[in-house]
C-alpha atoms as a PDB file:
ATOM      1  CA  MET A   1     111.074  89.811  79.268  1.00  0.00           C
ATOM      2  CA  LYS A   2     107.962  88.805  77.775  1.00  0.00           C
ATOM      3  CA  LEU A   3     105.499  90.959  78.250  1.00  0.00           C
ATOM      4  CA  ASP A   4     101.879  89.376  78.707  1.00  0.00           C
ATOM      5  CA  SER A   5      98.698  89.556  80.990  1.00  0.00           C
ATOM      6  CA  SER A   6     101.453  87.815  83.850  1.00  0.00           C
ATOM      7  CA  VAL A   7     103.225  91.197  83.716  1.00  0.00           C
ATOM      8  CA  ALA A   8     102.154  94.436  85.739  1.00  0.00           C
ATOM      9  CA  ALA A   9     103.001  98.386  85.209  1.00  0.00           C
ATOM     10  CA  VAL A  10     102.775 100.965  86.835  1.00  0.00           C
ATOM     11  CA  VAL A  11     103.132 104.111  84.289  1.00  0.00           C
ATOM     12  CA  THR A  12     103.780 107.462  85.967  1.00  0.00           C
ATOM     13  CA  GLY A  13     102.543 110.425  83.527  1.00  0.00           C
ATOM     14  CA  GLY A  14     100.669 107.547  81.956  1.00  0.00           C
ATOM     15  CA  ALA A  15      97.936 110.305  80.999  1.00  0.00           C
ATOM     16  CA  SER A  16      99.631 112.115  78.169  1.00  0.00           C
ATOM     17  CA  GLY A  17     102.287 112.315  75.824  1.00  0.00           C
ATOM     18  CA  LEU A  18     105.126 109.468  75.774  1.00  0.00           C
ATOM     19  CA  GLY A  19     103.451 108.074  79.305  1.00  0.00           C
ATOM     20  CA  ALA A  20     100.115 107.548  77.207  1.00  0.00           C
ATOM     21  CA  ALA A  21     101.612 105.979  74.386  1.00  0.00           C
ATOM     22  CA  THR A  22     103.636 103.501  76.778  1.00  0.00           C
ATOM     23  CA  SER A  23     100.378 102.854  78.555  1.00  0.00           C
ATOM     24  CA  ARG A  24      98.680 101.905  75.569  1.00  0.00           C
ATOM     25  CA  ALA A  25     101.359 100.053  73.866  1.00  0.00           C
ATOM     26  CA  LEU A  26     102.077  98.030  77.256  1.00  0.00           C
ATOM     27  CA  ALA A  27      97.919  97.475  77.427  1.00  0.00           C
ATOM     28  CA  ALA A  28      97.926  96.134  73.468  1.00  0.00           C
ATOM     29  CA  GLN A  29     100.690  93.327  74.803  1.00  0.00           C
ATOM     30  CA  GLY A  30      98.498  92.434  77.464  1.00  0.00           C
ATOM     31  CA  VAL A  31     100.299  94.027  80.448  1.00  0.00           C
ATOM     32  CA  LYS A  32      97.885  95.122  83.266  1.00  0.00           C
ATOM     33  CA  VAL A  33      98.615  98.844  83.385  1.00  0.00           C
ATOM     34  CA  ALA A  34      98.305 101.401  86.369  1.00  0.00           C
ATOM     35  CA  ILE A  35      98.628 104.487  85.522  1.00  0.00           C
ATOM     36  CA  PHE A  36      99.641 107.367  87.792  1.00  0.00           C
ATOM     37  CA  ASP A  37      99.232 111.021  87.125  1.00  0.00           C
ATOM     38  CA  PHE A  38      98.546 114.569  88.228  1.00  0.00           C
ATOM     39  CA  ASN A  39      95.850 114.595  85.949  1.00  0.00           C
ATOM     40  CA  ASP A  40      92.741 112.649  87.042  1.00  0.00           C
ATOM     41  CA  GLU A  41      90.548 113.195  84.531  1.00  0.00           C
ATOM     42  CA  LYS A  42      93.031 112.304  82.125  1.00  0.00           C
ATOM     43  CA  GLY A  43      94.317 109.238  83.730  1.00  0.00           C
ATOM     44  CA  GLU A  44      90.915 107.908  84.117  1.00  0.00           C
ATOM     45  CA  ALA A  45      89.993 108.343  80.821  1.00  0.00           C
ATOM     46  CA  ILE A  46      93.429 106.591  79.252  1.00  0.00           C
ATOM     47  CA  ALA A  47      92.748 103.811  81.889  1.00  0.00           C
ATOM     48  CA  LYS A  48      89.556 103.025  80.580  1.00  0.00           C
ATOM     49  CA  GLU A  49      90.248 102.755  77.039  1.00  0.00           C
ATOM     50  CA  ILE A  50      92.881 100.536  77.783  1.00  0.00           C
ATOM     51  CA  GLY A  51      90.672  98.642  80.328  1.00  0.00           C
ATOM     52  CA  GLY A  52      93.623  99.818  83.336  1.00  0.00           C
ATOM     53  CA  ASP A  53      93.553 101.277  86.571  1.00  0.00           C
ATOM     54  CA  ALA A  54      94.481 105.096  87.027  1.00  0.00           C
ATOM     55  CA  VAL A  55      95.862 106.467  90.671  1.00  0.00           C
ATOM     56  CA  ASP A  56      95.338 110.352  91.268  1.00  0.00           C
ATOM     57  CA  LEU A  57      98.977 111.447  92.619  1.00  0.00           C
ATOM     58  CA  ILE A  58      97.555 114.422  94.227  1.00  0.00           C
ATOM     59  CA  ALA A  59      95.830 112.310  96.533  1.00  0.00           C
ATOM     60  CA  LEU A  60      98.718 110.381  97.037  1.00  0.00           C
ATOM     61  CA  PHE A  61     100.898 112.930  98.259  1.00  0.00           C
ATOM     62  CA  GLU A  62      98.279 114.167 100.791  1.00  0.00           C
ATOM     63  CA  LEU A  63      99.058 110.500 102.209  1.00  0.00           C
ATOM     64  CA  HIS A  64     102.055 110.256 104.670  1.00  0.00           C
ATOM     65  CA  GLY A  65     105.104 107.360 104.811  1.00  0.00           C
ATOM     66  CA  ARG A  66     103.782 104.277 105.222  1.00  0.00           C
ATOM     67  CA  ALA A  67     100.034 105.126 103.960  1.00  0.00           C
ATOM     68  CA  ILE A  68     102.065 105.925 100.253  1.00  0.00           C
ATOM     69  CA  TYR A  69     103.841 102.244 100.635  1.00  0.00           C
ATOM     70  CA  ASP A  70     100.048 100.630 101.734  1.00  0.00           C
ATOM     71  CA  SER A  71      98.614 102.300  98.515  1.00  0.00           C
ATOM     72  CA  ALA A  72     101.711 100.842  96.139  1.00  0.00           C
ATOM     73  CA  VAL A  73     101.064  97.584  97.772  1.00  0.00           C
ATOM     74  CA  ARG A  74      96.789  97.415  97.189  1.00  0.00           C
ATOM     75  CA  MET A  75      97.822  98.663  93.349  1.00  0.00           C
ATOM     76  CA  SER A  76      99.989  95.566  93.157  1.00  0.00           C
ATOM     77  CA  ARG A  77      97.202  93.153  94.449  1.00  0.00           C
ATOM     78  CA  ARG A  78      94.629  94.681  92.231  1.00  0.00           C
ATOM     79  CA  THR A  79      96.875  94.219  89.187  1.00  0.00           C
ATOM     80  CA  GLY A  80      97.751  90.695  90.620  1.00  0.00           C
ATOM     81  CA  ARG A  81     101.341  91.447  91.011  1.00  0.00           C
ATOM     82  CA  ALA A  82     101.588  91.272  94.781  1.00  0.00           C
END
């Protein structure tokens, strides 16, 4: 698979460790990255660094059923992959 700006990725745990490294590596290849993490502050910092989006998983888990699906669809549309 060719990785470039036509590809979008969701990186769970993308705010630290291997997830952050994955987020950075994908963004370096032009991939549109959405970081899903429990640590909202670190997620926002990495997203700002790489030019991606961050999603606070705690806020997502407070939603129920269809709302979680709808949030994922909105994120996909923001990154141009829906």
